[in-house]
């Protein structure tokens, strides 16, 4: 009975408290973990709280894709390689955007796909950390022409759907901050704002 208890409750406790890390890079590693997650008639999916995805291959992304909609308890998502990860499958960004449980999102090397995902999020974020410089030092702003277009990416109007929930915002190289936004959105619960590297 002890073994049965640990089999059922141990996995749930582990998924509630441990971040699943970017070490799941190979198809073999991802397949083993996803088999563990699918055990007990898929009941474990909803207990995963934190996911940290590193550099994914197309094949690993394909393994994750059908699982993401089942992660109904996922609260924290870290995408170290932003667009590079989301580009591994056309539906990956949409799958994350459809979740309603996300509260904390961190994206590095964010560009168009990452911003589109954020704009389409059904979740209401409490914290967002975003770095817009790519691995080769390129950034989204090099491909945006004019202050009007840039202004649409200013965090005040861009994150307006999260204005009632957002408490922390960390921006690195979010150059749209240099343009004054045409927005009257108010963020009443904002407690911490960090802005770094606005030299363009």
Protein backbone atom coordinates (compact mmCIF):
# COMPACT_ATOMS: atom_id res chain seq x y z
CA UNK A 1 0.00 0.00 0.00
CA UNK A 2 2.93 2.32 0.66
CA UNK A 3 4.29 1.75 -2.83
CA UNK A 4 0.85 2.38 -4.31
CA UNK A 5 0.54 5.61 -2.32
CA UNK A 6 3.97 6.82 -3.47
CA UNK A 7 3.18 5.92 -7.07
CA UNK A 8 0.03 8.03 -7.01
CA UNK A 9 0.89 10.86 -4.65
CA UNK A 10 4.67 11.07 -5.08
CA UNK A 11 4.43 11.98 -8.75
CA UNK A 12 1.82 14.66 -8.05
CA UNK A 13 3.92 16.19 -5.26
CA UNK A 14 6.99 16.17 -7.51
CA UNK A 15 5.21 17.88 -10.40
CA UNK A 16 3.76 20.48 -8.03
CA UNK A 17 7.13 21.56 -6.70
CA UNK A 18 9.85 20.84 -9.29
CA UNK A 19 10.54 22.77 -12.48
CA UNK A 20 10.76 20.53 -15.53
CA UNK A 21 13.98 21.73 -17.11
CA UNK A 22 15.54 22.29 -20.48
CA UNK A 23 17.58 19.09 -20.09
CA UNK A 24 14.81 17.27 -21.99
CA UNK A 25 16.43 18.03 -25.34
CA UNK A 26 16.56 14.68 -27.10
CA UNK A 27 13.61 12.71 -28.39
CA UNK A 28 14.52 9.86 -26.01
CA UNK A 29 14.60 12.15 -22.95
CA UNK A 30 11.35 13.88 -23.90
CA UNK A 31 9.61 10.58 -24.66
CA UNK A 32 10.55 9.13 -21.25
CA UNK A 33 9.32 12.16 -19.36
CA UNK A 34 6.11 12.42 -21.36
CA UNK A 35 5.43 8.73 -20.72
CA UNK A 36 5.81 9.43 -17.00
CA UNK A 37 3.47 12.39 -17.34
CA UNK A 38 0.88 10.34 -19.23
CA UNK A 39 0.73 7.57 -16.61
CA UNK A 40 -2.35 7.00 -14.46
CA UNK A 41 -4.71 7.64 -17.35
CA UNK A 42 -3.19 11.07 -18.12
CA UNK A 43 -4.14 12.39 -14.68
CA UNK A 44 -0.68 13.80 -13.97
CA UNK A 45 -0.76 16.50 -16.65
CA UNK A 46 -2.72 18.96 -14.55
CA UNK A 47 -0.18 18.83 -11.71
CA UNK A 48 2.76 20.21 -13.71
CA UNK A 49 3.28 23.77 -12.47
CA UNK A 50 6.57 24.95 -13.99
CA UNK A 51 8.17 24.27 -17.38
CA UNK A 52 11.57 25.47 -18.59
CA UNK A 53 12.09 24.69 -22.28
CA UNK A 54 15.52 25.09 -23.82
CA UNK A 55 16.60 24.62 -27.39
CA UNK A 56 14.12 22.17 -28.96
CA UNK A 57 14.49 20.17 -32.13
CA UNK A 58 11.56 19.75 -34.49
CA UNK A 59 11.08 16.15 -33.35
CA UNK A 60 11.06 17.07 -29.65
CA UNK A 61 8.62 19.93 -30.34
CA UNK A 62 6.32 17.43 -32.07
CA UNK A 63 6.36 15.29 -28.92
CA UNK A 64 5.40 18.25 -26.72
CA UNK A 65 2.69 19.69 -28.94
CA UNK A 66 -0.21 17.33 -28.08
CA UNK A 67 0.70 17.52 -24.39
CA UNK A 68 0.60 21.32 -23.97
CA UNK A 69 -3.23 21.66 -24.07
CA UNK A 70 -3.40 19.11 -21.23
CA UNK A 71 -1.16 21.20 -18.94
CA UNK A 72 -4.11 22.92 -17.33
CA UNK A 73 -2.23 23.67 -14.11
CA UNK A 74 0.89 25.14 -15.72
CA UNK A 75 1.65 28.48 -14.07
CA UNK A 76 5.27 29.23 -15.00
CA UNK A 77 6.81 29.01 -18.48
CA UNK A 78 10.40 29.85 -19.37
CA UNK A 79 11.44 29.89 -23.04
CA UNK A 80 15.20 30.41 -23.19
CA UNK A 81 15.34 30.68 -26.96
CA UNK A 82 12.03 32.40 -27.67
CA UNK A 83 11.31 32.40 -31.36
CA UNK A 84 13.87 29.66 -32.10
CA UNK A 85 11.83 27.29 -29.93
CA UNK A 86 8.41 28.41 -31.14
CA UNK A 87 9.46 28.12 -34.78
CA UNK A 88 10.10 24.39 -34.40
CA UNK A 89 6.38 23.78 -34.99
CA UNK A 90 3.74 26.06 -36.51
CA UNK A 91 1.25 25.32 -33.72
CA UNK A 92 3.54 25.57 -30.69
CA UNK A 93 2.92 29.27 -29.97
CA UNK A 94 -0.83 28.80 -30.41
CA UNK A 95 -0.85 25.86 -28.00
CA UNK A 96 0.82 27.93 -25.27
CA UNK A 97 -1.39 30.94 -26.03
CA UNK A 98 -4.52 28.84 -25.53
CA UNK A 99 -3.61 27.93 -21.95
CA UNK A 100 -5.53 29.85 -19.28
CA UNK A 101 -3.39 28.92 -16.28
CA UNK A 102 -0.12 30.77 -17.02
CA UNK A 103 0.81 33.43 -14.47
CA UNK A 104 4.56 33.83 -14.95
CA UNK A 105 6.24 34.02 -18.35
CA UNK A 106 9.92 34.52 -19.18
CA UNK A 107 11.14 34.70 -22.77
CA UNK A 108 14.68 35.30 -24.01
CA UNK A 109 15.57 36.07 -27.62
CA UNK A 110 11.99 37.17 -28.25
CA UNK A 111 10.94 38.37 -31.70
CA UNK A 112 7.78 38.34 -33.82
CA UNK A 113 6.51 34.87 -32.89
CA UNK A 114 7.02 35.45 -29.16
CA UNK A 115 5.25 38.83 -29.30
CA UNK A 116 2.38 37.30 -31.27
CA UNK A 117 2.03 34.56 -28.66
CA UNK A 118 1.95 37.12 -25.83
CA UNK A 119 -0.64 39.19 -27.67
CA UNK A 120 -2.87 36.13 -28.07
CA UNK A 121 -2.51 34.75 -24.55
CA UNK A 122 -5.74 33.65 -22.91
CA UNK A 123 -3.96 33.60 -19.56
CA UNK A 124 -3.64 36.73 -17.46
CA UNK A 125 -0.02 37.22 -16.44
CA UNK A 126 1.22 38.26 -13.01
CA UNK A 127 4.83 38.57 -14.13
CA UNK A 128 6.53 38.90 -17.50
CA UNK A 129 10.25 38.96 -18.27
CA UNK A 130 11.24 39.49 -21.88
CA UNK A 131 14.61 39.97 -23.59
CA UNK A 132 14.48 41.01 -27.23
CA UNK A 133 18.09 40.51 -28.31
CA UNK A 134 18.63 37.39 -30.39
CA UNK A 135 21.49 34.95 -30.11
CA UNK A 136 23.24 36.67 -33.00
CA UNK A 137 22.54 40.12 -31.50
CA UNK A 138 19.73 40.80 -33.96
CA UNK A 139 16.40 42.00 -32.67
CA UNK A 140 12.81 42.48 -33.69
CA UNK A 141 13.15 46.27 -33.83
CA UNK A 142 15.45 46.13 -36.87
CA UNK A 143 12.45 44.85 -38.84
CA UNK A 144 9.90 47.43 -37.69
CA UNK A 145 9.65 50.63 -39.69
CA UNK A 146 8.35 53.89 -38.23
CA UNK A 147 7.28 55.22 -34.84
CA UNK A 148 3.62 54.30 -35.36
CA UNK A 149 4.46 50.64 -35.88
CA UNK A 150 6.96 50.75 -33.03
CA UNK A 151 4.39 52.39 -30.74
CA UNK A 152 2.07 49.41 -31.10
CA UNK A 153 4.73 47.34 -29.37
CA UNK A 154 5.10 49.70 -26.43
CA UNK A 155 4.36 47.61 -23.32
CA UNK A 156 1.62 49.95 -22.06
CA UNK A 157 -0.80 49.30 -24.96
CA UNK A 158 0.70 45.95 -25.90
CA UNK A 159 0.09 44.36 -22.49
CA UNK A 160 -3.24 46.05 -21.83
CA UNK A 161 -5.10 42.75 -21.62
CA UNK A 162 -2.97 41.98 -18.55
CA UNK A 163 -3.36 45.38 -16.91
CA UNK A 164 -5.48 44.17 -14.01
CA UNK A 165 -3.21 41.22 -13.17
CA UNK A 166 0.36 42.26 -14.04
CA UNK A 167 2.53 42.95 -10.99
CA UNK A 168 6.08 42.59 -12.35
CA UNK A 169 7.55 43.52 -15.72
CA UNK A 170 11.18 43.06 -16.72
CA UNK A 171 12.26 44.40 -20.13
CA UNK A 172 15.65 43.93 -21.77
CA UNK A 173 16.19 45.71 -25.10
CA UNK A 174 12.44 46.40 -25.50
CA UNK A 175 13.23 49.43 -27.65
CA UNK A 176 9.58 50.32 -28.22
CA UNK A 177 9.78 51.97 -24.79
CA UNK A 178 11.49 54.90 -26.54
CA UNK A 179 8.22 55.82 -28.25
CA UNK A 180 5.43 57.50 -26.28
CA UNK A 181 2.34 55.27 -26.49
CA UNK A 182 -1.12 56.43 -27.47
CA UNK A 183 -2.78 54.57 -24.64
CA UNK A 184 -4.55 55.32 -21.37
CA UNK A 185 -4.16 51.80 -19.97
CA UNK A 186 -3.50 51.77 -16.21
CA UNK A 187 -1.75 48.97 -14.35
CA UNK A 188 -3.04 49.27 -10.78
CA UNK A 189 -1.24 46.20 -9.41
CA UNK A 190 2.20 46.87 -10.91
CA UNK A 191 4.75 46.53 -8.11
CA UNK A 192 8.04 46.12 -9.94
CA UNK A 193 9.31 47.50 -13.26
CA UNK A 194 12.81 46.79 -14.53
CA UNK A 195 14.09 48.27 -17.81
CA UNK A 196 17.54 47.46 -19.17
CA UNK A 197 19.54 48.18 -22.33
CA UNK A 198 17.54 50.75 -24.28
CA UNK A 199 20.48 51.87 -26.42
CA UNK A 200 19.44 51.36 -30.01
